[in-house]
N, C-alpha and C. Protein backbone atom coordinates (compact mmCIF):
# COMPACT_ATOMS: atom_id res chain seq x y z
N UNK A 1 1.37 -54.87 -39.90
CA UNK A 1 1.04 -53.57 -39.41
C UNK A 1 -0.10 -53.67 -38.41
N UNK A 2 -0.05 -52.79 -37.45
CA UNK A 2 -1.07 -52.81 -36.41
C UNK A 2 -2.30 -52.08 -36.89
N UNK A 3 -3.41 -52.62 -36.56
CA UNK A 3 -4.66 -51.97 -36.94
C UNK A 3 -4.97 -50.89 -35.93
N UNK A 4 -5.45 -49.80 -36.42
CA UNK A 4 -5.80 -48.70 -35.52
C UNK A 4 -7.29 -48.68 -35.31
N UNK A 5 -7.67 -48.30 -34.13
CA UNK A 5 -9.07 -48.20 -33.80
C UNK A 5 -9.56 -46.83 -34.22
N UNK A 6 -10.45 -46.81 -35.17
CA UNK A 6 -10.91 -45.53 -35.71
C UNK A 6 -12.28 -45.16 -35.15
N UNK A 7 -12.56 -45.58 -33.95
CA UNK A 7 -13.83 -45.19 -33.37
C UNK A 7 -13.76 -43.72 -32.96
N UNK A 8 -14.81 -43.04 -33.21
CA UNK A 8 -14.84 -41.61 -32.92
C UNK A 8 -15.07 -41.38 -31.44
N UNK A 9 -14.33 -40.42 -30.91
CA UNK A 9 -14.55 -40.04 -29.52
C UNK A 9 -15.79 -39.17 -29.47
N UNK A 10 -16.51 -39.31 -28.41
CA UNK A 10 -17.73 -38.51 -28.30
C UNK A 10 -17.37 -37.04 -28.13
N UNK A 11 -18.06 -36.19 -28.82
CA UNK A 11 -17.79 -34.76 -28.73
C UNK A 11 -18.30 -34.25 -27.39
N UNK A 12 -17.58 -33.31 -26.81
CA UNK A 12 -18.00 -32.78 -25.51
C UNK A 12 -19.33 -32.06 -25.64
N UNK A 13 -20.11 -32.18 -24.62
CA UNK A 13 -21.41 -31.50 -24.64
C UNK A 13 -21.20 -30.02 -24.39
N UNK A 14 -22.10 -29.23 -24.89
CA UNK A 14 -21.98 -27.78 -24.73
C UNK A 14 -22.21 -27.34 -23.30
N UNK A 15 -22.81 -28.18 -22.51
CA UNK A 15 -23.06 -27.82 -21.11
C UNK A 15 -21.77 -27.81 -20.30
N UNK A 16 -20.81 -28.65 -20.68
CA UNK A 16 -19.56 -28.75 -19.93
C UNK A 16 -18.58 -27.63 -20.27
N UNK A 17 -18.77 -26.99 -21.42
CA UNK A 17 -17.84 -25.95 -21.83
C UNK A 17 -18.04 -24.70 -20.98
N UNK A 18 -16.95 -23.99 -20.78
CA UNK A 18 -16.99 -22.76 -19.99
C UNK A 18 -17.25 -21.60 -20.94
N UNK A 19 -18.48 -21.35 -21.25
CA UNK A 19 -18.83 -20.26 -22.15
C UNK A 19 -19.22 -19.05 -21.33
N UNK A 20 -18.89 -17.89 -21.88
CA UNK A 20 -19.28 -16.66 -21.19
C UNK A 20 -20.78 -16.47 -21.34
N UNK A 21 -21.37 -15.96 -20.32
CA UNK A 21 -22.80 -15.66 -20.39
C UNK A 21 -23.02 -14.50 -21.34
N UNK A 22 -24.13 -14.50 -21.99
CA UNK A 22 -24.43 -13.36 -22.84
C UNK A 22 -25.14 -12.31 -22.01
N UNK A 23 -24.84 -11.09 -22.26
CA UNK A 23 -25.44 -9.99 -21.53
C UNK A 23 -24.73 -8.71 -21.88
N UNK A 24 -25.23 -7.62 -21.34
CA UNK A 24 -24.67 -6.30 -21.66
C UNK A 24 -23.19 -6.21 -21.29
N UNK A 25 -22.82 -6.68 -20.09
CA UNK A 25 -21.44 -6.54 -19.63
C UNK A 25 -20.50 -7.54 -20.28
N UNK A 26 -21.03 -8.58 -20.89
CA UNK A 26 -20.17 -9.60 -21.49
C UNK A 26 -20.07 -9.47 -23.00
N UNK A 27 -20.72 -8.48 -23.58
CA UNK A 27 -20.62 -8.30 -25.03
C UNK A 27 -19.25 -7.74 -25.36
N UNK A 28 -18.60 -8.29 -26.37
CA UNK A 28 -17.27 -7.78 -26.73
C UNK A 28 -17.32 -6.32 -27.15
N UNK A 29 -16.36 -5.55 -26.73
CA UNK A 29 -16.25 -4.14 -27.08
C UNK A 29 -14.98 -3.97 -27.91
N UNK A 30 -14.40 -2.79 -27.85
CA UNK A 30 -13.16 -2.51 -28.59
C UNK A 30 -12.09 -3.51 -28.19
N UNK A 31 -11.37 -3.98 -29.17
CA UNK A 31 -10.28 -4.92 -28.91
C UNK A 31 -10.78 -6.29 -28.51
N UNK A 32 -12.06 -6.56 -28.65
CA UNK A 32 -12.59 -7.87 -28.31
C UNK A 32 -12.74 -8.08 -26.81
N UNK A 33 -12.69 -7.04 -26.04
CA UNK A 33 -12.79 -7.16 -24.58
C UNK A 33 -14.19 -6.76 -24.13
N UNK A 34 -14.67 -7.43 -23.11
CA UNK A 34 -15.96 -7.07 -22.54
C UNK A 34 -15.76 -6.03 -21.44
N UNK A 35 -16.84 -5.47 -20.97
CA UNK A 35 -16.75 -4.48 -19.88
C UNK A 35 -16.12 -5.11 -18.65
N UNK A 36 -16.45 -6.36 -18.37
CA UNK A 36 -15.85 -7.04 -17.22
C UNK A 36 -14.34 -7.16 -17.37
N UNK A 37 -13.87 -7.42 -18.59
CA UNK A 37 -12.43 -7.49 -18.83
C UNK A 37 -11.77 -6.15 -18.56
N UNK A 38 -12.41 -5.06 -19.02
CA UNK A 38 -11.86 -3.73 -18.78
C UNK A 38 -11.88 -3.38 -17.29
N UNK A 39 -12.98 -3.73 -16.61
CA UNK A 39 -13.05 -3.46 -15.17
C UNK A 39 -12.00 -4.25 -14.40
N UNK A 40 -11.76 -5.47 -14.84
CA UNK A 40 -10.72 -6.29 -14.20
C UNK A 40 -9.35 -5.65 -14.38
N UNK A 41 -9.07 -5.16 -15.58
CA UNK A 41 -7.79 -4.50 -15.84
C UNK A 41 -7.65 -3.23 -15.00
N UNK A 42 -8.71 -2.44 -14.94
CA UNK A 42 -8.67 -1.20 -14.15
C UNK A 42 -8.44 -1.51 -12.67
N UNK A 43 -9.10 -2.56 -12.17
CA UNK A 43 -8.94 -2.94 -10.77
C UNK A 43 -7.50 -3.37 -10.50
N UNK A 44 -6.92 -4.11 -11.41
CA UNK A 44 -5.54 -4.57 -11.22
C UNK A 44 -4.55 -3.42 -11.29
N UNK A 45 -4.84 -2.41 -12.09
CA UNK A 45 -3.96 -1.24 -12.17
C UNK A 45 -4.18 -0.28 -11.01
N UNK A 46 -5.38 -0.27 -10.45
CA UNK A 46 -5.69 0.66 -9.37
C UNK A 46 -4.95 0.32 -8.09
N UNK A 47 -4.70 -0.94 -7.84
CA UNK A 47 -4.05 -1.35 -6.59
C UNK A 47 -2.66 -0.72 -6.46
N UNK A 48 -1.77 -0.84 -7.45
CA UNK A 48 -0.46 -0.19 -7.30
C UNK A 48 -0.56 1.33 -7.22
N UNK A 49 -1.51 1.91 -7.95
CA UNK A 49 -1.68 3.37 -7.91
C UNK A 49 -2.08 3.82 -6.51
N UNK A 50 -2.98 3.09 -5.88
CA UNK A 50 -3.40 3.43 -4.51
C UNK A 50 -2.24 3.25 -3.54
N UNK A 51 -1.46 2.20 -3.70
CA UNK A 51 -0.32 1.97 -2.80
C UNK A 51 0.71 3.09 -2.95
N UNK A 52 1.01 3.46 -4.19
CA UNK A 52 1.97 4.55 -4.42
C UNK A 52 1.42 5.86 -3.86
N UNK A 53 0.14 6.14 -4.09
CA UNK A 53 -0.46 7.36 -3.57
C UNK A 53 -0.44 7.41 -2.05
N UNK A 54 -0.75 6.27 -1.42
CA UNK A 54 -0.73 6.23 0.05
C UNK A 54 0.69 6.41 0.57
N UNK A 55 1.67 5.83 -0.10
CA UNK A 55 3.07 5.98 0.32
C UNK A 55 3.50 7.44 0.24
N UNK A 56 3.17 8.08 -0.86
CA UNK A 56 3.53 9.50 -1.01
C UNK A 56 2.78 10.36 0.00
N UNK A 57 1.49 10.06 0.19
CA UNK A 57 0.69 10.84 1.15
C UNK A 57 1.20 10.71 2.57
N UNK A 58 1.50 9.48 3.00
CA UNK A 58 2.00 9.30 4.36
C UNK A 58 3.39 9.89 4.52
N UNK A 59 4.21 9.84 3.47
CA UNK A 59 5.53 10.48 3.53
C UNK A 59 5.41 11.98 3.70
N UNK A 60 4.49 12.59 2.92
CA UNK A 60 4.28 14.03 3.04
C UNK A 60 3.76 14.38 4.43
N UNK A 61 2.84 13.57 4.95
CA UNK A 61 2.28 13.82 6.27
C UNK A 61 3.36 13.73 7.34
N UNK A 62 4.27 12.75 7.21
CA UNK A 62 5.34 12.58 8.18
C UNK A 62 6.29 13.79 8.14
N UNK A 63 6.61 14.27 6.95
CA UNK A 63 7.46 15.46 6.82
C UNK A 63 6.78 16.67 7.45
N UNK A 64 5.48 16.81 7.20
CA UNK A 64 4.73 17.92 7.77
C UNK A 64 4.74 17.87 9.30
N UNK A 65 4.50 16.68 9.86
CA UNK A 65 4.50 16.55 11.32
C UNK A 65 5.89 16.79 11.91
N UNK A 66 6.93 16.31 11.24
CA UNK A 66 8.29 16.54 11.72
C UNK A 66 8.64 18.03 11.68
N UNK A 67 8.20 18.69 10.62
CA UNK A 67 8.45 20.13 10.50
C UNK A 67 7.73 20.90 11.60
N UNK A 68 6.49 20.51 11.86
CA UNK A 68 5.71 21.14 12.91
C UNK A 68 6.35 20.93 14.28
N UNK A 69 6.81 19.71 14.53
CA UNK A 69 7.47 19.40 15.81
C UNK A 69 8.77 20.18 15.95
N UNK A 70 9.53 20.29 14.86
CA UNK A 70 10.78 21.05 14.90
C UNK A 70 10.52 22.52 15.23
N UNK A 71 9.49 23.09 14.61
CA UNK A 71 9.15 24.49 14.89
C UNK A 71 8.75 24.68 16.36
N UNK A 72 7.97 23.73 16.88
CA UNK A 72 7.56 23.79 18.28
C UNK A 72 8.79 23.69 19.20
N UNK A 73 9.71 22.80 18.87
CA UNK A 73 10.93 22.66 19.67
C UNK A 73 11.77 23.94 19.62
N UNK A 74 11.84 24.56 18.45
CA UNK A 74 12.59 25.81 18.31
C UNK A 74 11.97 26.91 19.17
N UNK A 75 10.65 26.99 19.18
CA UNK A 75 9.96 27.98 20.01
C UNK A 75 10.25 27.75 21.50
N UNK A 76 10.19 26.49 21.93
CA UNK A 76 10.49 26.18 23.34
C UNK A 76 11.94 26.51 23.69
N UNK A 77 12.86 26.22 22.78
CA UNK A 77 14.27 26.52 23.03
C UNK A 77 14.49 28.02 23.14
N UNK A 78 13.84 28.79 22.28
CA UNK A 78 13.96 30.26 22.34
C UNK A 78 13.38 30.79 23.65
N UNK A 79 12.26 30.24 24.04
CA UNK A 79 11.63 30.65 25.29
C UNK A 79 12.53 30.31 26.49
N UNK A 80 13.11 29.13 26.48
CA UNK A 80 14.00 28.71 27.57
C UNK A 80 15.25 29.58 27.60
N UNK A 81 15.78 29.93 26.42
CA UNK A 81 16.96 30.77 26.36
C UNK A 81 16.68 32.16 26.94
N UNK A 82 15.52 32.71 26.61
CA UNK A 82 15.13 34.01 27.14
C UNK A 82 14.99 33.96 28.66
N UNK A 83 14.36 32.89 29.15
CA UNK A 83 14.20 32.72 30.61
C UNK A 83 15.56 32.59 31.29
N UNK A 84 16.45 31.81 30.70
CA UNK A 84 17.79 31.64 31.27
C UNK A 84 18.57 32.95 31.29
N UNK A 85 18.42 33.75 30.25
CA UNK A 85 19.11 35.05 30.22
C UNK A 85 18.57 35.98 31.31
N UNK A 86 17.27 35.97 31.53
CA UNK A 86 16.69 36.82 32.59
C UNK A 86 17.21 36.40 33.95
N UNK A 87 17.24 35.08 34.19
CA UNK A 87 17.73 34.57 35.48
C UNK A 87 19.20 34.93 35.66
N UNK A 88 19.99 34.78 34.60
CA UNK A 88 21.42 35.11 34.69
C UNK A 88 21.61 36.60 34.96
N UNK A 89 20.82 37.44 34.33
CA UNK A 89 20.92 38.89 34.56
C UNK A 89 20.52 39.24 35.99
N UNK A 90 19.47 38.57 36.50
CA UNK A 90 19.05 38.82 37.87
C UNK A 90 20.13 38.40 38.85
N UNK A 91 20.76 37.26 38.61
CA UNK A 91 21.82 36.80 39.50
C UNK A 91 23.03 37.74 39.41
N UNK A 92 23.33 38.18 38.21
CA UNK A 92 24.45 39.10 38.03
C UNK A 92 24.19 40.43 38.75
N UNK A 93 22.95 40.92 38.66
CA UNK A 93 22.59 42.16 39.35
C UNK A 93 22.64 41.96 40.87
N UNK A 94 22.21 40.77 41.35
CA UNK A 94 22.23 40.50 42.78
C UNK A 94 23.68 40.40 43.28
N UNK A 95 24.57 39.87 42.47
CA UNK A 95 25.97 39.75 42.86
C UNK A 95 26.65 41.13 42.88
N UNK A 96 26.18 42.04 42.07
CA UNK A 96 26.76 43.37 41.98
C UNK A 96 26.43 44.20 43.22
N UNK A 97 25.34 43.90 43.86
CA UNK A 97 24.92 44.70 45.02
C UNK A 97 25.64 44.33 46.25
């Protein structure tokens, strides 16, 4: 049978470990999460909410601008139609004389 080397491996020093700093924001809260953990979660959730809000806002703005432009075009068309009718009536009256 082969002999095994039972020498102990040196334990890692505490300086090399990635321990969280102690402080107000790093103290565990509800669910074992620190304030930084909650802020990180909120930040990650806020990005899609802002993107969706901006998409809806710009869509509404585009509809509003298109509606405004359509109303302006309708007003111009009505004005042009009235002008054309006056010109046609004037020409018709001139032809009658």
